[in-house]
Each structure stands twice: as structure tokens, then as C-alpha cells.
Amino acid sequence: TTDEWMRAGERLWAVGDIAGHGQWTHMSMYQAGIALRDITGSGGHAAQYHAVPRVTFTDPEVGSVGMTERQAREAGLEVRVGVSPLGESTRGWIARADGVVKVVEDAAAGHLVGATTVGPGGGEVLGLLVTAVHARVPTAVLREMLLAYPTFHRAVGSALAALDG
């Protein structure tokens, strides 16, 4: 068990699989940076786990960040969900791609708490959603973004629009 600075005891830090926050290389790298800053006294932010990206590099790629719809509801959040089929985006149509982008919003707070991508480049599209969840970017701000055309990212904009039902 570690604290938010990856301390497991006096003069003992633990990172990666043993720390129990996910078995991903990117998690180990993230935690190593936190431990190093603590060891050297250089400051910075402690570990935060509300926006952990998860990607399975299959065909199509499957990625997610933060809470699932079910987890958000079980946490007692007022949830709104937006879904956009990837094939309905121009890029999805051009590539004849199947897939989906799903966003989960904490309606009371007005920001995303989770998202899922399935499709070509799903792990890449997830980067935008990781930023949104991590920084708690207001959904209204996300809706104002200018997304390049035609990219798979346009499906994120459609999923945000679908939050309105």
C-alpha cells in the first residue's frame, strides 16, 4: 500500500504493478515521476487516479478513461450519457469503420467523468478525453472546440451533442 506520493514506508517507495493501481507501463512511468519528485523534494502534484487511461490494442482498439456509466451511477452522480456511432462521422464513413464514442458526464458538475472509444485509432482519440476528464474541463467548453475535419475526433463532438438526448 502506498500513499499519494508512492511512499510504502520510511525511505521506501513503490511504483508499478505492486502499487495496485493498474498494470500498465504508463502507470509505472507516472508513478515513478511522482516518487522521484518526492525523493528529490522537487514538489509537484501527488498521484491522482480519476483519469487513468486504459487501452487494449486490438482491431478495433478499445479505450476508456475514468468511470463507466455504471460506476458513475453507483457513485450517486447525476449522469448524462452521449453516444456517437463512429460510422456516422465523415471519417468513419470514409474508412468504413465500425465503432463508437461514449461520454459520461456528471450533469450536476458539468464535466465528463468517463469516456469510452472503440474503433480505429481509439487509443489516440482517447487522449482528448483523458485531458477532459483529468482537468475536469466543463462540457460547455468541450462543445466549443474546433475539431479537425474529417477526423475520428469529430465523433467526440457528436457524442457531446448527444448528451442533450
C-alpha atoms as a PDB file:
ATOM      1  CA  THR A   1       0.000   0.000   0.000  1.00  0.00           C
ATOM      2  CA  THR A   2       1.313   3.424  -0.928  1.00  0.00           C
ATOM      3  CA  ASP A   3       0.273   6.961  -0.102  1.00  0.00           C
ATOM      4  CA  GLU A   4      -0.305   9.665  -2.730  1.00  0.00           C
ATOM      5  CA  TRP A   5       3.489  10.187  -3.046  1.00  0.00           C
ATOM      6  CA  MET A   6       4.098   6.456  -3.665  1.00  0.00           C
ATOM      7  CA  ARG A   7       5.569   6.020  -0.172  1.00  0.00           C
ATOM      8  CA  ALA A   8       5.225   2.486   1.160  1.00  0.00           C
ATOM      9  CA  GLY A   9       7.202   3.125   4.344  1.00  0.00           C
ATOM     10  CA  GLU A  10      10.086   5.112   5.739  1.00  0.00           C
ATOM     11  CA  ARG A  11      12.598   5.557   2.891  1.00  0.00           C
ATOM     12  CA  LEU A  12      10.617   3.079   0.775  1.00  0.00           C
ATOM     13  CA  TRP A  13       8.670   3.912  -2.381  1.00  0.00           C
ATOM     14  CA  ALA A  14       6.737   1.508  -4.599  1.00  0.00           C
ATOM     15  CA  VAL A  15       5.620   2.028  -8.194  1.00  0.00           C
ATOM     16  CA  GLY A  16       4.049  -0.064 -10.899  1.00  0.00           C
ATOM     17  CA  ASP A  17       2.146  -3.309 -10.527  1.00  0.00           C
ATOM     18  CA  ILE A  18       2.973  -3.681  -6.836  1.00  0.00           C
ATOM     19  CA  ALA A  19       1.354  -0.310  -6.009  1.00  0.00           C
ATOM     20  CA  GLY A  20      -2.033  -1.702  -7.051  1.00  0.00           C
ATOM     21  CA  HIS A  21      -3.383   0.991  -9.377  1.00  0.00           C
ATOM     22  CA  GLY A  22      -3.241  -0.880 -12.670  1.00  0.00           C
ATOM     23  CA  GLN A  23      -0.754  -2.962 -14.572  1.00  0.00           C
ATOM     24  CA  TRP A  24       0.175  -0.593 -17.382  1.00  0.00           C
ATOM     25  CA  THR A  25       3.567   0.732 -18.384  1.00  0.00           C
ATOM     26  CA  HIS A  26       2.158   4.261 -18.462  1.00  0.00           C
ATOM     27  CA  MET A  27       1.017   3.876 -14.823  1.00  0.00           C
ATOM     28  CA  SER A  28       4.524   2.806 -13.758  1.00  0.00           C
ATOM     29  CA  MET A  29       6.040   5.780 -15.583  1.00  0.00           C
ATOM     30  CA  TYR A  30       3.529   8.177 -13.998  1.00  0.00           C
ATOM     31  CA  GLN A  31       4.156   6.816 -10.501  1.00  0.00           C
ATOM     32  CA  ALA A  32       7.937   6.812 -10.967  1.00  0.00           C
ATOM     33  CA  GLY A  33       7.802  10.531 -11.724  1.00  0.00           C
ATOM     34  CA  ILE A  34       5.812  11.182  -8.550  1.00  0.00           C
ATOM     35  CA  ALA A  35       8.182   9.104  -6.422  1.00  0.00           C
ATOM     36  CA  LEU A  36      11.224  10.806  -7.961  1.00  0.00           C
ATOM     37  CA  ARG A  37       9.791  14.265  -7.215  1.00  0.00           C
ATOM     38  CA  ASP A  38       9.108  13.196  -3.629  1.00  0.00           C
ATOM     39  CA  ILE A  39      12.570  11.670  -3.162  1.00  0.00           C
ATOM     40  CA  THR A  40      14.302  14.767  -4.552  1.00  0.00           C
ATOM     41  CA  GLY A  41      11.951  17.225  -2.837  1.00  0.00           C
ATOM     42  CA  SER A  42      11.148  18.945  -6.115  1.00  0.00           C
ATOM     43  CA  GLY A  43       7.407  19.204  -5.393  1.00  0.00           C
ATOM     44  CA  GLY A  44       4.600  18.894  -7.878  1.00  0.00           C
ATOM     45  CA  HIS A  45       1.283  17.112  -7.663  1.00  0.00           C
ATOM     46  CA  ALA A  46       0.600  13.917  -5.775  1.00  0.00           C
ATOM     47  CA  ALA A  47      -0.857  10.893  -7.570  1.00  0.00           C
ATOM     48  CA  GLN A  48      -4.375  11.221  -8.919  1.00  0.00           C
ATOM     49  CA  TYR A  49      -6.286   8.256 -10.296  1.00  0.00           C
ATOM     50  CA  HIS A  50      -9.585   9.709 -11.518  1.00  0.00           C
ATOM     51  CA  ALA A  51      -8.470   9.839 -15.169  1.00  0.00           C
ATOM     52  CA  VAL A  52      -6.457   6.676 -15.771  1.00  0.00           C
ATOM     53  CA  PRO A  53      -6.376   5.777 -19.484  1.00  0.00           C
ATOM     54  CA  ARG A  54      -6.882   2.141 -20.427  1.00  0.00           C
ATOM     55  CA  VAL A  55      -6.320   0.944 -23.991  1.00  0.00           C
ATOM     56  CA  THR A  56      -6.460  -2.524 -25.486  1.00  0.00           C
ATOM     57  CA  PHE A  57      -4.613  -2.578 -28.790  1.00  0.00           C
ATOM     58  CA  THR A  58      -6.886  -4.931 -30.661  1.00  0.00           C
ATOM     59  CA  ASP A  59      -8.558  -4.353 -34.014  1.00  0.00           C
ATOM     60  CA  PRO A  60     -10.504  -2.212 -33.406  1.00  0.00           C
ATOM     61  CA  GLU A  61      -8.785  -0.506 -30.475  1.00  0.00           C
ATOM     62  CA  VAL A  62     -10.787  -0.197 -27.264  1.00  0.00           C
ATOM     63  CA  GLY A  63     -10.019   2.601 -24.838  1.00  0.00           C
ATOM     64  CA  SER A  64     -11.557   4.099 -21.750  1.00  0.00           C
ATOM     65  CA  VAL A  65     -10.851   6.672 -19.087  1.00  0.00           C
ATOM     66  CA  GLY A  66     -12.335   7.437 -15.706  1.00  0.00           C
ATOM     67  CA  MET A  67     -15.657   5.998 -14.647  1.00  0.00           C
ATOM     68  CA  THR A  68     -18.003   3.826 -16.628  1.00  0.00           C
ATOM     69  CA  GLU A  69     -21.658   4.830 -16.742  1.00  0.00           C
ATOM     70  CA  ARG A  70     -22.430   2.144 -14.185  1.00  0.00           C
ATOM     71  CA  GLN A  71     -19.654   3.267 -11.812  1.00  0.00           C
ATOM     72  CA  ALA A  72     -20.825   6.881 -12.040  1.00  0.00           C
ATOM     73  CA  ARG A  73     -24.414   5.907 -11.237  1.00  0.00           C
ATOM     74  CA  GLU A  74     -23.270   3.666  -8.357  1.00  0.00           C
ATOM     75  CA  ALA A  75     -21.275   6.634  -7.011  1.00  0.00           C
ATOM     76  CA  GLY A  76     -24.552   8.554  -6.830  1.00  0.00           C
ATOM     77  CA  LEU A  77     -23.787  11.012  -9.605  1.00  0.00           C
ATOM     78  CA  GLU A  78     -26.477  12.607 -11.746  1.00  0.00           C
ATOM     79  CA  VAL A  79     -25.368  11.039 -15.035  1.00  0.00           C
ATOM     80  CA  ARG A  80     -25.901  12.054 -18.635  1.00  0.00           C
ATOM     81  CA  VAL A  81     -24.567   9.846 -21.414  1.00  0.00           C
ATOM     82  CA  GLY A  82     -23.797  10.698 -25.024  1.00  0.00           C
ATOM     83  CA  VAL A  83     -23.058   8.079 -27.670  1.00  0.00           C
ATOM     84  CA  SER A  84     -21.906   8.572 -31.248  1.00  0.00           C
ATOM     85  CA  PRO A  85     -21.503   5.672 -33.707  1.00  0.00           C
ATOM     86  CA  LEU A  86     -18.140   6.104 -35.410  1.00  0.00           C
ATOM     87  CA  GLY A  87     -19.573   5.116 -38.789  1.00  0.00           C
ATOM     88  CA  GLU A  88     -21.851   8.160 -38.711  1.00  0.00           C
ATOM     89  CA  SER A  89     -18.863  10.519 -38.668  1.00  0.00           C
ATOM     90  CA  THR A  90     -17.425  11.511 -42.033  1.00  0.00           C
ATOM     91  CA  ARG A  91     -14.079   9.848 -41.258  1.00  0.00           C
ATOM     92  CA  GLY A  92     -15.846   6.718 -40.063  1.00  0.00           C
ATOM     93  CA  TRP A  93     -17.882   6.619 -43.276  1.00  0.00           C
ATOM     94  CA  ILE A  94     -14.779   7.160 -45.437  1.00  0.00           C
ATOM     95  CA  ALA A  95     -12.874   4.416 -43.596  1.00  0.00           C
ATOM     96  CA  ARG A  96     -15.952   2.173 -43.400  1.00  0.00           C
ATOM     97  CA  ALA A  97     -15.157   1.945 -39.713  1.00  0.00           C
ATOM     98  CA  ASP A  98     -17.344   0.472 -37.053  1.00  0.00           C
ATOM     99  CA  GLY A  99     -17.058   1.703 -33.512  1.00  0.00           C
ATOM    100  CA  VAL A 100     -18.389   4.167 -31.009  1.00  0.00           C
ATOM    101  CA  VAL A 101     -17.501   7.086 -28.778  1.00  0.00           C
ATOM    102  CA  LYS A 102     -19.340   7.243 -25.451  1.00  0.00           C
ATOM    103  CA  VAL A 103     -19.038  10.061 -22.921  1.00  0.00           C
ATOM    104  CA  VAL A 104     -20.265  10.038 -19.319  1.00  0.00           C
ATOM    105  CA  GLU A 105     -20.987  13.393 -17.718  1.00  0.00           C
ATOM    106  CA  ASP A 106     -21.585  14.371 -14.113  1.00  0.00           C
ATOM    107  CA  ALA A 107     -24.539  16.604 -15.007  1.00  0.00           C
ATOM    108  CA  ALA A 108     -24.512  18.457 -11.687  1.00  0.00           C
ATOM    109  CA  ALA A 109     -20.805  19.331 -12.004  1.00  0.00           C
ATOM    110  CA  GLY A 110     -20.987  19.873 -15.777  1.00  0.00           C
ATOM    111  CA  HIS A 111     -17.908  17.888 -16.757  1.00  0.00           C
ATOM    112  CA  LEU A 112     -17.022  14.431 -18.029  1.00  0.00           C
ATOM    113  CA  VAL A 113     -16.158  11.737 -15.501  1.00  0.00           C
ATOM    114  CA  GLY A 114     -15.559   8.988 -18.045  1.00  0.00           C
ATOM    115  CA  ALA A 115     -15.462   8.007 -21.696  1.00  0.00           C
ATOM    116  CA  THR A 116     -15.017   5.005 -23.970  1.00  0.00           C
ATOM    117  CA  THR A 117     -13.736   4.724 -27.532  1.00  0.00           C
ATOM    118  CA  VAL A 118     -13.944   1.749 -29.847  1.00  0.00           C
ATOM    119  CA  GLY A 119     -12.575   1.961 -33.362  1.00  0.00           C
ATOM    120  CA  PRO A 120      -9.510   2.637 -35.479  1.00  0.00           C
ATOM    121  CA  GLY A 121      -7.168   4.907 -33.542  1.00  0.00           C
ATOM    122  CA  GLY A 122      -9.368   4.595 -30.457  1.00  0.00           C
ATOM    123  CA  GLY A 123      -6.347   4.957 -28.197  1.00  0.00           C
ATOM    124  CA  GLU A 124      -5.351   8.168 -29.968  1.00  0.00           C
ATOM    125  CA  VAL A 125      -8.855   9.655 -29.771  1.00  0.00           C
ATOM    126  CA  LEU A 126      -8.866   8.758 -26.079  1.00  0.00           C
ATOM    127  CA  GLY A 127      -6.113  11.337 -25.438  1.00  0.00           C
ATOM    128  CA  LEU A 128      -8.571  14.190 -25.894  1.00  0.00           C
ATOM    129  CA  LEU A 129     -10.988  12.552 -23.477  1.00  0.00           C
ATOM    130  CA  VAL A 130      -8.275  11.850 -20.884  1.00  0.00           C
ATOM    131  CA  THR A 131      -7.466  15.569 -20.867  1.00  0.00           C
ATOM    132  CA  ALA A 132     -11.144  16.445 -20.434  1.00  0.00           C
ATOM    133  CA  VAL A 133     -11.653  14.034 -17.520  1.00  0.00           C
ATOM    134  CA  HIS A 134      -8.311  14.795 -15.835  1.00  0.00           C
ATOM    135  CA  ALA A 135      -8.696  18.582 -15.958  1.00  0.00           C
ATOM    136  CA  ARG A 136     -12.458  18.489 -15.363  1.00  0.00           C
ATOM    137  CA  VAL A 137     -12.953  20.655 -18.426  1.00  0.00           C
ATOM    138  CA  PRO A 138     -16.521  21.969 -18.463  1.00  0.00           C
ATOM    139  CA  THR A 139     -18.658  20.167 -21.029  1.00  0.00           C
ATOM    140  CA  ALA A 140     -19.720  23.569 -22.383  1.00  0.00           C
ATOM    141  CA  VAL A 141     -16.069  24.342 -23.170  1.00  0.00           C
ATOM    142  CA  LEU A 142     -15.556  20.967 -24.855  1.00  0.00           C
ATOM    143  CA  ARG A 143     -18.553  21.660 -27.088  1.00  0.00           C
ATOM    144  CA  GLU A 144     -16.923  24.891 -28.294  1.00  0.00           C
ATOM    145  CA  MET A 145     -13.746  23.151 -29.504  1.00  0.00           C
ATOM    146  CA  LEU A 146     -12.844  23.272 -33.148  1.00  0.00           C
ATOM    147  CA  LEU A 147     -12.182  19.676 -34.213  1.00  0.00           C
ATOM    148  CA  ALA A 148     -10.325  18.980 -37.454  1.00  0.00           C
ATOM    149  CA  TYR A 149     -12.397  17.614 -40.333  1.00  0.00           C
ATOM    150  CA  PRO A 150     -12.560  14.803 -41.246  1.00  0.00           C
ATOM    151  CA  THR A 151     -11.079  13.057 -38.218  1.00  0.00           C
ATOM    152  CA  PHE A 152     -12.344  10.395 -35.853  1.00  0.00           C
ATOM    153  CA  HIS A 153     -12.275  13.128 -33.191  1.00  0.00           C
ATOM    154  CA  ARG A 154     -15.417  14.589 -34.761  1.00  0.00           C
ATOM    155  CA  ALA A 155     -17.313  11.672 -33.179  1.00  0.00           C
ATOM    156  CA  VAL A 156     -16.369  13.128 -29.766  1.00  0.00           C
ATOM    157  CA  GLY A 157     -18.212  16.318 -30.712  1.00  0.00           C
ATOM    158  CA  SER A 158     -21.221  14.271 -31.774  1.00  0.00           C
ATOM    159  CA  ALA A 159     -21.177  12.303 -28.518  1.00  0.00           C
ATOM    160  CA  LEU A 160     -21.080  15.585 -26.572  1.00  0.00           C
ATOM    161  CA  ALA A 161     -24.055  16.846 -28.588  1.00  0.00           C
ATOM    162  CA  ALA A 162     -25.894  13.600 -27.802  1.00  0.00           C
ATOM    163  CA  LEU A 163     -25.745  14.435 -24.083  1.00  0.00           C
ATOM    164  CA  ASP A 164     -28.825  16.559 -24.708  1.00  0.00           C
ATOM    165  CA  GLY A 165     -30.813  13.430 -25.554  1.00  0.00           C
END
